[in-house]
């Protein structure tokens, strides 16, 4: 954070934020990608905007339907505000296999270098 004061280009726009890697000064890029790793939607926010911001998730998810996976920063708000609970906790074997396959791809998408 010592160099944050040296940056003049986005001095009025960028802000201090915290990630799993520590503190940073700048912006966050929030991406929605499909199962092929193609960008479906995105949002660029200042560093201080929380990943689980309800307004941010509303904007990103307004055109999305189907199964959605997210990292831990998004899960609390997603679960409490956007997901509908099923009437029972039974999941068919076919649905389970489909989700397992998607979760395998999730690791590949998260590791892609932009």
PDB file of N, CA and C in Angstrom:
ATOM      1  N   UNK A   1       0.817  -1.201   0.000  1.00  0.00           N
ATOM      2  CA  UNK A   1       0.000   0.000   0.000  1.00  0.00           C
ATOM      3  C   UNK A   1       0.861   1.266   0.000  1.00  0.00           C
ATOM      4  N   UNK A   2       2.154   1.110   0.137  1.00  0.00           N
ATOM      5  CA  UNK A   2       3.021   2.283   0.135  1.00  0.00           C
ATOM      6  C   UNK A   2       2.995   3.018  -1.200  1.00  0.00           C
ATOM      7  N   UNK A   3       2.854   2.276  -2.281  1.00  0.00           N
ATOM      8  CA  UNK A   3       2.884   2.901  -3.603  1.00  0.00           C
ATOM      9  C   UNK A   3       1.543   3.469  -4.024  1.00  0.00           C
ATOM     10  N   UNK A   4       0.491   3.252  -3.268  1.00  0.00           N
ATOM     11  CA  UNK A   4      -0.847   3.720  -3.653  1.00  0.00           C
ATOM     12  C   UNK A   4      -0.882   5.227  -3.851  1.00  0.00           C
ATOM     13  N   UNK A   5      -0.145   5.966  -3.055  1.00  0.00           N
ATOM     14  CA  UNK A   5      -0.152   7.430  -3.160  1.00  0.00           C
ATOM     15  C   UNK A   5       0.611   7.923  -4.384  1.00  0.00           C
ATOM     16  N   UNK A   6       1.428   7.058  -4.978  1.00  0.00           N
ATOM     17  CA  UNK A   6       2.203   7.448  -6.154  1.00  0.00           C
ATOM     18  C   UNK A   6       1.363   7.425  -7.430  1.00  0.00           C
ATOM     19  N   UNK A   7       0.282   6.665  -7.438  1.00  0.00           N
ATOM     20  CA  UNK A   7      -0.541   6.535  -8.639  1.00  0.00           C
ATOM     21  C   UNK A   7      -1.460   7.747  -8.788  1.00  0.00           C
ATOM     22  N   UNK A   8      -1.331   8.448  -9.894  1.00  0.00           N
ATOM     23  CA  UNK A   8      -2.099   9.673 -10.109  1.00  0.00           C
ATOM     24  C   UNK A   8      -3.231   9.489 -11.122  1.00  0.00           C
ATOM     25  N   UNK A   9      -3.139   8.495 -11.991  1.00  0.00           N
ATOM     26  CA  UNK A   9      -4.084   8.355 -13.099  1.00  0.00           C
ATOM     27  C   UNK A   9      -5.514   8.172 -12.606  1.00  0.00           C
ATOM     28  N   UNK A  10      -5.740   7.231 -11.699  1.00  0.00           N
ATOM     29  CA  UNK A  10      -7.081   6.970 -11.183  1.00  0.00           C
ATOM     30  C   UNK A  10      -7.196   7.383  -9.715  1.00  0.00           C
ATOM     31  N   UNK A  11      -6.471   8.397  -9.312  1.00  0.00           N
ATOM     32  CA  UNK A  11      -6.443   8.801  -7.903  1.00  0.00           C
ATOM     33  C   UNK A  11      -7.832   9.123  -7.358  1.00  0.00           C
ATOM     34  N   UNK A  12      -8.705   9.704  -8.176  1.00  0.00           N
ATOM     35  CA  UNK A  12     -10.046  10.067  -7.717  1.00  0.00           C
ATOM     36  C   UNK A  12     -11.046   8.917  -7.846  1.00  0.00           C
ATOM     37  N   UNK A  13     -10.697   7.868  -8.599  1.00  0.00           N
ATOM     38  CA  UNK A  13     -11.634   6.783  -8.877  1.00  0.00           C
ATOM     39  C   UNK A  13     -11.301   5.500  -8.133  1.00  0.00           C
ATOM     40  N   UNK A  14     -10.060   5.064  -8.194  1.00  0.00           N
ATOM     41  CA  UNK A  14      -9.647   3.803  -7.562  1.00  0.00           C
ATOM     42  C   UNK A  14      -9.734   3.917  -6.046  1.00  0.00           C
ATOM     43  N   UNK A  15      -9.857   2.769  -5.391  1.00  0.00           N
ATOM     44  CA  UNK A  15      -9.916   2.787  -3.930  1.00  0.00           C
ATOM     45  C   UNK A  15      -9.220   1.568  -3.355  1.00  0.00           C
ATOM     46  N   UNK A  16      -8.994   1.630  -2.073  1.00  0.00           N
ATOM     47  CA  UNK A  16      -8.322   0.554  -1.354  1.00  0.00           C
ATOM     48  C   UNK A  16      -9.302  -0.589  -1.115  1.00  0.00           C
ATOM     49  N   UNK A  17      -8.847  -1.815  -1.306  1.00  0.00           N
ATOM     50  CA  UNK A  17      -9.684  -2.986  -1.076  1.00  0.00           C
ATOM     51  C   UNK A  17      -8.865  -4.112  -0.494  1.00  0.00           C
ATOM     52  N   UNK A  18      -9.543  -5.177  -0.081  1.00  0.00           N
ATOM     53  CA  UNK A  18      -8.852  -6.326   0.500  1.00  0.00           C
ATOM     54  C   UNK A  18      -9.300  -7.579  -0.233  1.00  0.00           C
ATOM     55  N   UNK A  19      -8.350  -8.420  -0.573  1.00  0.00           N
ATOM     56  CA  UNK A  19      -8.644  -9.698  -1.217  1.00  0.00           C
ATOM     57  C   UNK A  19      -8.013 -10.807  -0.385  1.00  0.00           C
ATOM     58  N   UNK A  20      -8.122 -12.027  -0.853  1.00  0.00           N
ATOM     59  CA  UNK A  20      -7.512 -13.148  -0.139  1.00  0.00           C
ATOM     60  C   UNK A  20      -5.991 -13.043  -0.142  1.00  0.00           C
ATOM     61  N   UNK A  21      -5.446 -12.250  -1.048  1.00  0.00           N
ATOM     62  CA  UNK A  21      -3.994 -12.076  -1.131  1.00  0.00           C
ATOM     63  C   UNK A  21      -3.505 -10.875  -0.321  1.00  0.00           C
ATOM     64  N   UNK A  22      -4.406 -10.109   0.270  1.00  0.00           N
ATOM     65  CA  UNK A  22      -4.017  -8.948   1.067  1.00  0.00           C
ATOM     66  C   UNK A  22      -4.646  -7.669   0.538  1.00  0.00           C
ATOM     67  N   UNK A  23      -4.112  -6.540   0.958  1.00  0.00           N
ATOM     68  CA  UNK A  23      -4.640  -5.238   0.569  1.00  0.00           C
ATOM     69  C   UNK A  23      -4.155  -4.854  -0.819  1.00  0.00           C
ATOM     70  N   UNK A  24      -4.975  -4.086  -1.534  1.00  0.00           N
ATOM     71  CA  UNK A  24      -4.596  -3.595  -2.852  1.00  0.00           C
ATOM     72  C   UNK A  24      -5.248  -2.238  -3.081  1.00  0.00           C
ATOM     73  N   UNK A  25      -4.748  -1.512  -4.053  1.00  0.00           N
ATOM     74  CA  UNK A  25      -5.306  -0.223  -4.445  1.00  0.00           C
ATOM     75  C   UNK A  25      -5.670  -0.314  -5.916  1.00  0.00           C
ATOM     76  N   UNK A  26      -6.937  -0.106  -6.237  1.00  0.00           N
ATOM     77  CA  UNK A  26      -7.335  -0.174  -7.635  1.00  0.00           C
ATOM     78  C   UNK A  26      -8.782  -0.556  -7.820  1.00  0.00           C
ATOM     79  N   UNK A  27      -9.017  -1.522  -8.687  1.00  0.00           N
ATOM     80  CA  UNK A  27     -10.356  -1.927  -9.093  1.00  0.00           C
ATOM     81  C   UNK A  27     -10.525  -3.435  -8.955  1.00  0.00           C
ATOM     82  N   UNK A  28     -11.791  -3.875  -8.994  1.00  0.00           N
ATOM     83  CA  UNK A  28     -12.113  -5.301  -9.035  1.00  0.00           C
ATOM     84  C   UNK A  28     -12.869  -5.563 -10.329  1.00  0.00           C
ATOM     85  N   UNK A  29     -12.548  -6.681 -10.957  1.00  0.00           N
ATOM     86  CA  UNK A  29     -13.258  -7.109 -12.151  1.00  0.00           C
ATOM     87  C   UNK A  29     -14.100  -8.319 -11.774  1.00  0.00           C
ATOM     88  N   UNK A  30     -15.408  -8.198 -11.911  1.00  0.00           N
ATOM     89  CA  UNK A  30     -16.348  -9.280 -11.608  1.00  0.00           C
ATOM     90  C   UNK A  30     -16.811  -9.857 -12.944  1.00  0.00           C
ATOM     91  N   UNK A  31     -16.616 -11.152 -13.138  1.00  0.00           N
ATOM     92  CA  UNK A  31     -16.943 -11.789 -14.415  1.00  0.00           C
ATOM     93  C   UNK A  31     -17.997 -12.865 -14.259  1.00  0.00           C
ATOM     94  N   UNK A  32     -18.860 -12.968 -15.251  1.00  0.00           N
ATOM     95  CA  UNK A  32     -19.753 -14.115 -15.411  1.00  0.00           C
ATOM     96  C   UNK A  32     -19.274 -14.801 -16.686  1.00  0.00           C
ATOM     97  N   UNK A  33     -18.886 -16.065 -16.577  1.00  0.00           N
ATOM     98  CA  UNK A  33     -18.437 -16.821 -17.741  1.00  0.00           C
ATOM     99  C   UNK A  33     -19.305 -18.059 -17.906  1.00  0.00           C
ATOM    100  N   UNK A  34     -19.422 -18.528 -19.125  1.00  0.00           N
ATOM    101  CA  UNK A  34     -20.198 -19.742 -19.370  1.00  0.00           C
ATOM    102  C   UNK A  34     -19.305 -20.974 -19.207  1.00  0.00           C
ATOM    103  N   UNK A  35     -19.843 -22.133 -19.490  1.00  0.00           N
ATOM    104  CA  UNK A  35     -19.112 -23.379 -19.293  1.00  0.00           C
ATOM    105  C   UNK A  35     -17.911 -23.525 -20.226  1.00  0.00           C
ATOM    106  N   UNK A  36     -17.824 -22.691 -21.245  1.00  0.00           N
ATOM    107  CA  UNK A  36     -16.684 -22.721 -22.161  1.00  0.00           C
ATOM    108  C   UNK A  36     -15.621 -21.687 -21.790  1.00  0.00           C
ATOM    109  N   UNK A  37     -15.869 -20.912 -20.737  1.00  0.00           N
ATOM    110  CA  UNK A  37     -14.928 -19.882 -20.327  1.00  0.00           C
ATOM    111  C   UNK A  37     -15.108 -18.567 -21.060  1.00  0.00           C
ATOM    112  N   UNK A  38     -16.182 -18.427 -21.834  1.00  0.00           N
ATOM    113  CA  UNK A  38     -16.448 -17.195 -22.570  1.00  0.00           C
ATOM    114  C   UNK A  38     -17.157 -16.194 -21.661  1.00  0.00           C
ATOM    115  N   UNK A  39     -16.769 -14.936 -21.740  1.00  0.00           N
ATOM    116  CA  UNK A  39     -17.355 -13.898 -20.893  1.00  0.00           C
ATOM    117  C   UNK A  39     -18.788 -13.621 -21.336  1.00  0.00           C
ATOM    118  N   UNK A  40     -19.724 -13.719 -20.386  1.00  0.00           N
ATOM    119  CA  UNK A  40     -21.137 -13.452 -20.634  1.00  0.00           C
ATOM    120  C   UNK A  40     -21.480 -12.039 -20.182  1.00  0.00           C
ATOM    121  N   UNK A  41     -20.952 -11.633 -19.036  1.00  0.00           N
ATOM    122  CA  UNK A  41     -21.193 -10.294 -18.497  1.00  0.00           C
ATOM    123  C   UNK A  41     -20.049  -9.945 -17.556  1.00  0.00           C
ATOM    124  N   UNK A  42     -19.875  -8.654 -17.282  1.00  0.00           N
ATOM    125  CA  UNK A  42     -18.819  -8.235 -16.367  1.00  0.00           C
ATOM    126  C   UNK A  42     -19.197  -6.919 -15.706  1.00  0.00           C
ATOM    127  N   UNK A  43     -18.504  -6.627 -14.618  1.00  0.00           N
ATOM    128  CA  UNK A  43     -18.642  -5.335 -13.945  1.00  0.00           C
ATOM    129  C   UNK A  43     -17.270  -4.948 -13.405  1.00  0.00           C
ATOM    130  N   UNK A  44     -16.929  -3.691 -13.530  1.00  0.00           N
ATOM    131  CA  UNK A  44     -15.689  -3.159 -12.991  1.00  0.00           C
ATOM    132  C   UNK A  44     -16.066  -2.231 -11.847  1.00  0.00           C
ATOM    133  N   UNK A  45     -15.577  -2.535 -10.644  1.00  0.00           N
ATOM    134  CA  UNK A  45     -15.909  -1.734  -9.469  1.00  0.00           C
ATOM    135  C   UNK A  45     -14.637  -1.257  -8.789  1.00  0.00           C
ATOM    136  N   UNK A  46     -14.782  -0.291  -7.911  1.00  0.00           N
ATOM    137  CA  UNK A  46     -13.636   0.140  -7.115  1.00  0.00           C
ATOM    138  C   UNK A  46     -13.290  -0.954  -6.114  1.00  0.00           C
ATOM    139  N   UNK A  47     -12.113  -0.884  -5.549  1.00  0.00           N
ATOM    140  CA  UNK A  47     -11.639  -1.925  -4.648  1.00  0.00           C
ATOM    141  C   UNK A  47     -12.470  -2.111  -3.403  1.00  0.00           C
ATOM    142  N   UNK A  48     -13.168  -1.087  -2.969  1.00  0.00           N
ATOM    143  CA  UNK A  48     -13.914  -1.177  -1.712  1.00  0.00           C
ATOM    144  C   UNK A  48     -15.287  -1.822  -1.847  1.00  0.00           C
ATOM    145  N   UNK A  49     -15.762  -2.087  -3.054  1.00  0.00           N
ATOM    146  CA  UNK A  49     -17.070  -2.720  -3.246  1.00  0.00           C
ATOM    147  C   UNK A  49     -16.961  -4.200  -2.898  1.00  0.00           C
ATOM    148  N   UNK A  50     -17.820  -4.655  -2.002  1.00  0.00           N
ATOM    149  CA  UNK A  50     -17.794  -6.052  -1.561  1.00  0.00           C
ATOM    150  C   UNK A  50     -18.274  -6.979  -2.674  1.00  0.00           C
ATOM    151  N   UNK A  51     -17.698  -8.178  -2.715  1.00  0.00           N
ATOM    152  CA  UNK A  51     -18.116  -9.168  -3.715  1.00  0.00           C
ATOM    153  C   UNK A  51     -19.581  -9.533  -3.555  1.00  0.00           C
ATOM    154  N   UNK A  52     -20.078  -9.516  -2.332  1.00  0.00           N
ATOM    155  CA  UNK A  52     -21.465  -9.931  -2.091  1.00  0.00           C
ATOM    156  C   UNK A  52     -22.437  -8.754  -2.059  1.00  0.00           C
ATOM    157  N   UNK A  53     -22.098  -7.659  -2.721  1.00  0.00           N
ATOM    158  CA  UNK A  53     -22.982  -6.498  -2.819  1.00  0.00           C
ATOM    159  C   UNK A  53     -24.252  -6.882  -3.575  1.00  0.00           C
ATOM    160  N   UNK A  54     -25.398  -6.658  -2.953  1.00  0.00           N
ATOM    161  CA  UNK A  54     -26.677  -7.049  -3.554  1.00  0.00           C
ATOM    162  C   UNK A  54     -26.926  -6.308  -4.873  1.00  0.00           C
ATOM    163  N   UNK A  55     -26.599  -5.030  -4.932  1.00  0.00           N
ATOM    164  CA  UNK A  55     -26.797  -4.251  -6.161  1.00  0.00           C
ATOM    165  C   UNK A  55     -25.935  -4.786  -7.304  1.00  0.00           C
ATOM    166  N   UNK A  56     -24.686  -5.115  -6.986  1.00  0.00           N
ATOM    167  CA  UNK A  56     -23.781  -5.660  -7.992  1.00  0.00           C
ATOM    168  C   UNK A  56     -24.305  -6.988  -8.530  1.00  0.00           C
ATOM    169  N   UNK A  57     -24.723  -7.871  -7.631  1.00  0.00           N
ATOM    170  CA  UNK A  57     -25.230  -9.174  -8.060  1.00  0.00           C
ATOM    171  C   UNK A  57     -26.530  -9.045  -8.849  1.00  0.00           C
ATOM    172  N   UNK A  58     -27.398  -8.114  -8.465  1.00  0.00           N
ATOM    173  CA  UNK A  58     -28.626  -7.875  -9.242  1.00  0.00           C
ATOM    174  C   UNK A  58     -28.291  -7.498 -10.682  1.00  0.00           C
ATOM    175  N   UNK A  59     -27.323  -6.605 -10.845  1.00  0.00           N
ATOM    176  CA  UNK A  59     -26.930  -6.158 -12.180  1.00  0.00           C
ATOM    177  C   UNK A  59     -26.341  -7.307 -12.993  1.00  0.00           C
ATOM    178  N   UNK A  60     -25.462  -8.083 -12.375  1.00  0.00           N
ATOM    179  CA  UNK A  60     -24.793  -9.160 -13.103  1.00  0.00           C
ATOM    180  C   UNK A  60     -25.722 -10.325 -13.446  1.00  0.00           C
ATOM    181  N   UNK A  61     -26.688 -10.591 -12.581  1.00  0.00           N
ATOM    182  CA  UNK A  61     -27.503 -11.794 -12.747  1.00  0.00           C
ATOM    183  C   UNK A  61     -28.858 -11.561 -13.398  1.00  0.00           C
ATOM    184  N   UNK A  62     -29.170 -10.326 -13.799  1.00  0.00           N
ATOM    185  CA  UNK A  62     -30.498 -10.051 -14.336  1.00  0.00           C
ATOM    186  C   UNK A  62     -30.796 -10.814 -15.625  1.00  0.00           C
ATOM    187  N   UNK A  63     -29.767 -11.177 -16.397  1.00  0.00           N
ATOM    188  CA  UNK A  63     -29.988 -11.889 -17.657  1.00  0.00           C
ATOM    189  C   UNK A  63     -29.558 -13.356 -17.588  1.00  0.00           C
ATOM    190  N   UNK A  64     -29.206 -13.835 -16.416  1.00  0.00           N
ATOM    191  CA  UNK A  64     -28.649 -15.182 -16.261  1.00  0.00           C
ATOM    192  C   UNK A  64     -29.719 -16.140 -15.753  1.00  0.00           C
ATOM    193  N   UNK A  65     -29.737 -17.343 -16.305  1.00  0.00           N
ATOM    194  CA  UNK A  65     -30.611 -18.396 -15.792  1.00  0.00           C
ATOM    195  C   UNK A  65     -29.838 -19.708 -15.829  1.00  0.00           C
ATOM    196  N   UNK A  66     -30.289 -20.674 -15.061  1.00  0.00           N
ATOM    197  CA  UNK A  66     -29.627 -21.975 -15.033  1.00  0.00           C
ATOM    198  C   UNK A  66     -28.795 -22.148 -13.776  1.00  0.00           C
ATOM    199  N   UNK A  67     -27.900 -23.107 -13.808  1.00  0.00           N
ATOM    200  CA  UNK A  67     -27.043 -23.394 -12.663  1.00  0.00           C
ATOM    201  C   UNK A  67     -25.948 -22.349 -12.578  1.00  0.00           C
ATOM    202  N   UNK A  68     -25.696 -21.869 -11.376  1.00  0.00           N
ATOM    203  CA  UNK A  68     -24.713 -20.815 -11.167  1.00  0.00           C
ATOM    204  C   UNK A  68     -23.748 -21.234 -10.076  1.00  0.00           C
ATOM    205  N   UNK A  69     -22.465 -21.072 -10.327  1.00  0.00           N
ATOM    206  CA  UNK A  69     -21.430 -21.360  -9.343  1.00  0.00           C
ATOM    207  C   UNK A  69     -20.658 -20.080  -9.081  1.00  0.00           C
ATOM    208  N   UNK A  70     -20.254 -19.875  -7.839  1.00  0.00           N
ATOM    209  CA  UNK A  70     -19.487 -18.689  -7.499  1.00  0.00           C
ATOM    210  C   UNK A  70     -18.495 -18.992  -6.410  1.00  0.00           C
ATOM    211  N   UNK A  71     -17.496 -18.134  -6.260  1.00  0.00           N
ATOM    212  CA  UNK A  71     -16.552 -18.370  -5.181  1.00  0.00           C
ATOM    213  C   UNK A  71     -17.137 -17.872  -3.861  1.00  0.00           C
ATOM    214  N   UNK A  72     -16.415 -18.087  -2.790  1.00  0.00           N
ATOM    215  CA  UNK A  72     -16.942 -17.867  -1.444  1.00  0.00           C
ATOM    216  C   UNK A  72     -17.423 -16.433  -1.202  1.00  0.00           C
ATOM    217  N   UNK A  73     -16.779 -15.460  -1.833  1.00  0.00           N
ATOM    218  CA  UNK A  73     -17.167 -14.071  -1.636  1.00  0.00           C
ATOM    219  C   UNK A  73     -18.591 -13.759  -2.063  1.00  0.00           C
ATOM    220  N   UNK A  74     -19.111 -14.498  -3.021  1.00  0.00           N
ATOM    221  CA  UNK A  74     -20.445 -14.246  -3.554  1.00  0.00           C
ATOM    222  C   UNK A  74     -21.520 -15.118  -2.919  1.00  0.00           C
ATOM    223  N   UNK A  75     -21.141 -16.212  -2.281  1.00  0.00           N
ATOM    224  CA  UNK A  75     -22.107 -17.240  -1.899  1.00  0.00           C
ATOM    225  C   UNK A  75     -23.170 -16.802  -0.901  1.00  0.00           C
ATOM    226  N   UNK A  76     -22.826 -16.055   0.127  1.00  0.00           N
ATOM    227  CA  UNK A  76     -23.802 -15.676   1.147  1.00  0.00           C
ATOM    228  C   UNK A  76     -24.967 -14.907   0.544  1.00  0.00           C
ATOM    229  N   UNK A  77     -24.685 -13.886  -0.225  1.00  0.00           N
ATOM    230  CA  UNK A  77     -25.744 -13.085  -0.829  1.00  0.00           C
ATOM    231  C   UNK A  77     -26.509 -13.887  -1.867  1.00  0.00           C
ATOM    232  N   UNK A  78     -25.803 -14.693  -2.652  1.00  0.00           N
ATOM    233  CA  UNK A  78     -26.485 -15.524  -3.644  1.00  0.00           C
ATOM    234  C   UNK A  78     -27.481 -16.447  -2.966  1.00  0.00           C
ATOM    235  N   UNK A  79     -27.051 -17.107  -1.913  1.00  0.00           N
ATOM    236  CA  UNK A  79     -27.916 -18.078  -1.240  1.00  0.00           C
ATOM    237  C   UNK A  79     -29.117 -17.392  -0.603  1.00  0.00           C
ATOM    238  N   UNK A  80     -28.893 -16.304   0.094  1.00  0.00           N
ATOM    239  CA  UNK A  80     -29.964 -15.646   0.845  1.00  0.00           C
ATOM    240  C   UNK A  80     -30.951 -14.881  -0.030  1.00  0.00           C
ATOM    241  N   UNK A  81     -30.532 -14.373  -1.164  1.00  0.00           N
ATOM    242  CA  UNK A  81     -31.385 -13.472  -1.934  1.00  0.00           C
ATOM    243  C   UNK A  81     -31.818 -13.966  -3.310  1.00  0.00           C
ATOM    244  N   UNK A  82     -31.067 -14.863  -3.911  1.00  0.00           N
ATOM    245  CA  UNK A  82     -31.348 -15.203  -5.299  1.00  0.00           C
ATOM    246  C   UNK A  82     -31.780 -16.646  -5.523  1.00  0.00           C
ATOM    247  N   UNK A  83     -31.381 -17.550  -4.653  1.00  0.00           N
ATOM    248  CA  UNK A  83     -31.678 -18.959  -4.890  1.00  0.00           C
ATOM    249  C   UNK A  83     -33.002 -19.355  -4.274  1.00  0.00           C
ATOM    250  N   UNK A  84     -33.734 -20.167  -4.975  1.00  0.00           N
ATOM    251  CA  UNK A  84     -34.994 -20.688  -4.454  1.00  0.00           C
ATOM    252  C   UNK A  84     -34.729 -22.078  -3.894  1.00  0.00           C
ATOM    253  N   UNK A  85     -35.191 -22.311  -2.705  1.00  0.00           N
ATOM    254  CA  UNK A  85     -34.986 -23.616  -2.082  1.00  0.00           C
ATOM    255  C   UNK A  85     -35.965 -24.630  -2.669  1.00  0.00           C
ATOM    256  N   UNK A  86     -35.496 -25.855  -2.804  1.00  0.00           N
ATOM    257  CA  UNK A  86     -36.369 -26.920  -3.278  1.00  0.00           C
ATOM    258  C   UNK A  86     -37.197 -27.436  -2.117  1.00  0.00           C
ATOM    259  N   UNK A  87     -38.279 -28.123  -2.427  1.00  0.00           N
ATOM    260  CA  UNK A  87     -39.169 -28.621  -1.377  1.00  0.00           C
ATOM    261  C   UNK A  87     -38.590 -29.819  -0.648  1.00  0.00           C
ATOM    262  N   UNK A  88     -37.699 -30.532  -1.295  1.00  0.00           N
ATOM    263  CA  UNK A  88     -37.030 -31.630  -0.606  1.00  0.00           C
ATOM    264  C   UNK A  88     -35.546 -31.581  -0.946  1.00  0.00           C
ATOM    265  N   UNK A  89     -34.765 -32.326  -0.230  1.00  0.00           N
ATOM    266  CA  UNK A  89     -33.328 -32.270  -0.455  1.00  0.00           C
ATOM    267  C   UNK A  89     -32.838 -33.422  -1.335  1.00  0.00           C
ATOM    268  N   UNK A  90     -33.744 -34.080  -2.023  1.00  0.00           N
ATOM    269  CA  UNK A  90     -33.378 -35.164  -2.929  1.00  0.00           C
ATOM    270  C   UNK A  90     -32.881 -34.581  -4.249  1.00  0.00           C
ATOM    271  N   UNK A  91     -31.792 -35.138  -4.733  1.00  0.00           N
ATOM    272  CA  UNK A  91     -31.252 -34.696  -6.010  1.00  0.00           C
ATOM    273  C   UNK A  91     -31.070 -35.930  -6.891  1.00  0.00           C
ATOM    274  N   UNK A  92     -31.591 -35.897  -8.093  1.00  0.00           N
ATOM    275  CA  UNK A  92     -31.489 -37.061  -8.970  1.00  0.00           C
ATOM    276  C   UNK A  92     -30.032 -37.316  -9.347  1.00  0.00           C
ATOM    277  N   UNK A  93     -29.723 -38.551  -9.645  1.00  0.00           N
ATOM    278  CA  UNK A  93     -28.362 -38.926 -10.021  1.00  0.00           C
ATOM    279  C   UNK A  93     -27.921 -38.186 -11.282  1.00  0.00           C
ATOM    280  N   UNK A  94     -28.840 -38.007 -12.215  1.00  0.00           N
ATOM    281  CA  UNK A  94     -28.527 -37.310 -13.463  1.00  0.00           C
ATOM    282  C   UNK A  94     -28.112 -35.862 -13.187  1.00  0.00           C
ATOM    283  N   UNK A  95     -28.862 -35.178 -12.331  1.00  0.00           N
ATOM    284  CA  UNK A  95     -28.552 -33.785 -11.981  1.00  0.00           C
ATOM    285  C   UNK A  95     -27.217 -33.703 -11.242  1.00  0.00           C
ATOM    286  N   UNK A  96     -26.965 -34.656 -10.346  1.00  0.00           N
ATOM    287  CA  UNK A  96     -25.711 -34.682  -9.586  1.00  0.00           C
ATOM    288  C   UNK A  96     -24.520 -34.833 -10.530  1.00  0.00           C
ATOM    289  N   UNK A  97     -24.611 -35.741 -11.493  1.00  0.00           N
ATOM    290  CA  UNK A  97     -23.521 -35.956 -12.444  1.00  0.00           C
ATOM    291  C   UNK A  97     -23.281 -34.711 -13.295  1.00  0.00           C
ATOM    292  N   UNK A  98     -24.347 -34.035 -13.668  1.00  0.00           N
ATOM    293  CA  UNK A  98     -24.238 -32.813 -14.464  1.00  0.00           C
ATOM    294  C   UNK A  98     -23.489 -31.733 -13.677  1.00  0.00           C
ATOM    295  N   UNK A  99     -23.852 -31.544 -12.399  1.00  0.00           N
ATOM    296  CA  UNK A  99     -23.197 -30.527 -11.581  1.00  0.00           C
ATOM    297  C   UNK A  99     -21.739 -30.883 -11.313  1.00  0.00           C
ATOM    298  N   UNK A 100     -21.438 -32.161 -11.116  1.00  0.00           N
ATOM    299  CA  UNK A 100     -20.062 -32.593 -10.885  1.00  0.00           C
ATOM    300  C   UNK A 100     -19.203 -32.264 -12.097  1.00  0.00           C
ATOM    301  N   UNK A 101     -19.738 -32.485 -13.277  1.00  0.00           N
ATOM    302  CA  UNK A 101     -19.022 -32.177 -14.513  1.00  0.00           C
ATOM    303  C   UNK A 101     -18.750 -30.678 -14.625  1.00  0.00           C
ATOM    304  N   UNK A 102     -19.717 -29.862 -14.282  1.00  0.00           N
ATOM    305  CA  UNK A 102     -19.551 -28.407 -14.340  1.00  0.00           C
ATOM    306  C   UNK A 102     -18.522 -27.947 -13.308  1.00  0.00           C
ATOM    307  N   UNK A 103     -18.542 -28.531 -12.122  1.00  0.00           N
ATOM    308  CA  UNK A 103     -17.576 -28.149 -11.090  1.00  0.00           C
ATOM    309  C   UNK A 103     -16.142 -28.462 -11.520  1.00  0.00           C
ATOM    310  N   UNK A 104     -15.951 -29.518 -12.265  1.00  0.00           N
ATOM    311  CA  UNK A 104     -14.615 -29.831 -12.781  1.00  0.00           C
ATOM    312  C   UNK A 104     -14.140 -28.724 -13.719  1.00  0.00           C
ATOM    313  N   UNK A 105     -15.047 -28.212 -14.536  1.00  0.00           N
ATOM    314  CA  UNK A 105     -14.693 -27.132 -15.467  1.00  0.00           C
ATOM    315  C   UNK A 105     -14.448 -25.820 -14.735  1.00  0.00           C
ATOM    316  N   UNK A 106     -15.096 -25.637 -13.588  1.00  0.00           N
ATOM    317  CA  UNK A 106     -14.964 -24.394 -12.818  1.00  0.00           C
ATOM    318  C   UNK A 106     -13.504 -24.137 -12.463  1.00  0.00           C
ATOM    319  N   UNK A 107     -12.793 -25.181 -12.074  1.00  0.00           N
ATOM    320  CA  UNK A 107     -11.384 -25.029 -11.717  1.00  0.00           C
ATOM    321  C   UNK A 107     -10.571 -24.536 -12.910  1.00  0.00           C
ATOM    322  N   UNK A 108     -10.876 -25.015 -14.094  1.00  0.00           N
ATOM    323  CA  UNK A 108     -10.161 -24.565 -15.289  1.00  0.00           C
ATOM    324  C   UNK A 108     -10.439 -23.101 -15.588  1.00  0.00           C
ATOM    325  N   UNK A 109     -11.694 -22.690 -15.433  1.00  0.00           N
ATOM    326  CA  UNK A 109     -12.076 -21.306 -15.712  1.00  0.00           C
ATOM    327  C   UNK A 109     -11.404 -20.355 -14.731  1.00  0.00           C
ATOM    328  N   UNK A 110     -11.368 -20.716 -13.439  1.00  0.00           N
ATOM    329  CA  UNK A 110     -10.785 -19.835 -12.430  1.00  0.00           C
ATOM    330  C   UNK A 110      -9.284 -19.687 -12.600  1.00  0.00           C
ATOM    331  N   UNK A 111      -8.628 -20.652 -13.209  1.00  0.00           N
ATOM    332  CA  UNK A 111      -7.176 -20.607 -13.360  1.00  0.00           C
ATOM    333  C   UNK A 111      -6.730 -19.937 -14.647  1.00  0.00           C
ATOM    334  N   UNK A 112      -7.672 -19.560 -15.516  1.00  0.00           N
ATOM    335  CA  UNK A 112      -7.303 -18.919 -16.781  1.00  0.00           C
ATOM    336  C   UNK A 112      -6.661 -17.567 -16.518  1.00  0.00           C
ATOM    337  N   UNK A 113      -5.607 -17.289 -17.231  1.00  0.00           N
ATOM    338  CA  UNK A 113      -4.970 -15.973 -17.155  1.00  0.00           C
ATOM    339  C   UNK A 113      -5.616 -15.070 -18.186  1.00  0.00           C
ATOM    340  N   UNK A 114      -5.986 -13.879 -17.736  1.00  0.00           N
ATOM    341  CA  UNK A 114      -6.630 -12.930 -18.658  1.00  0.00           C
ATOM    342  C   UNK A 114      -5.596 -12.078 -19.330  1.00  0.00           C
TER     343      UNK A 114
END
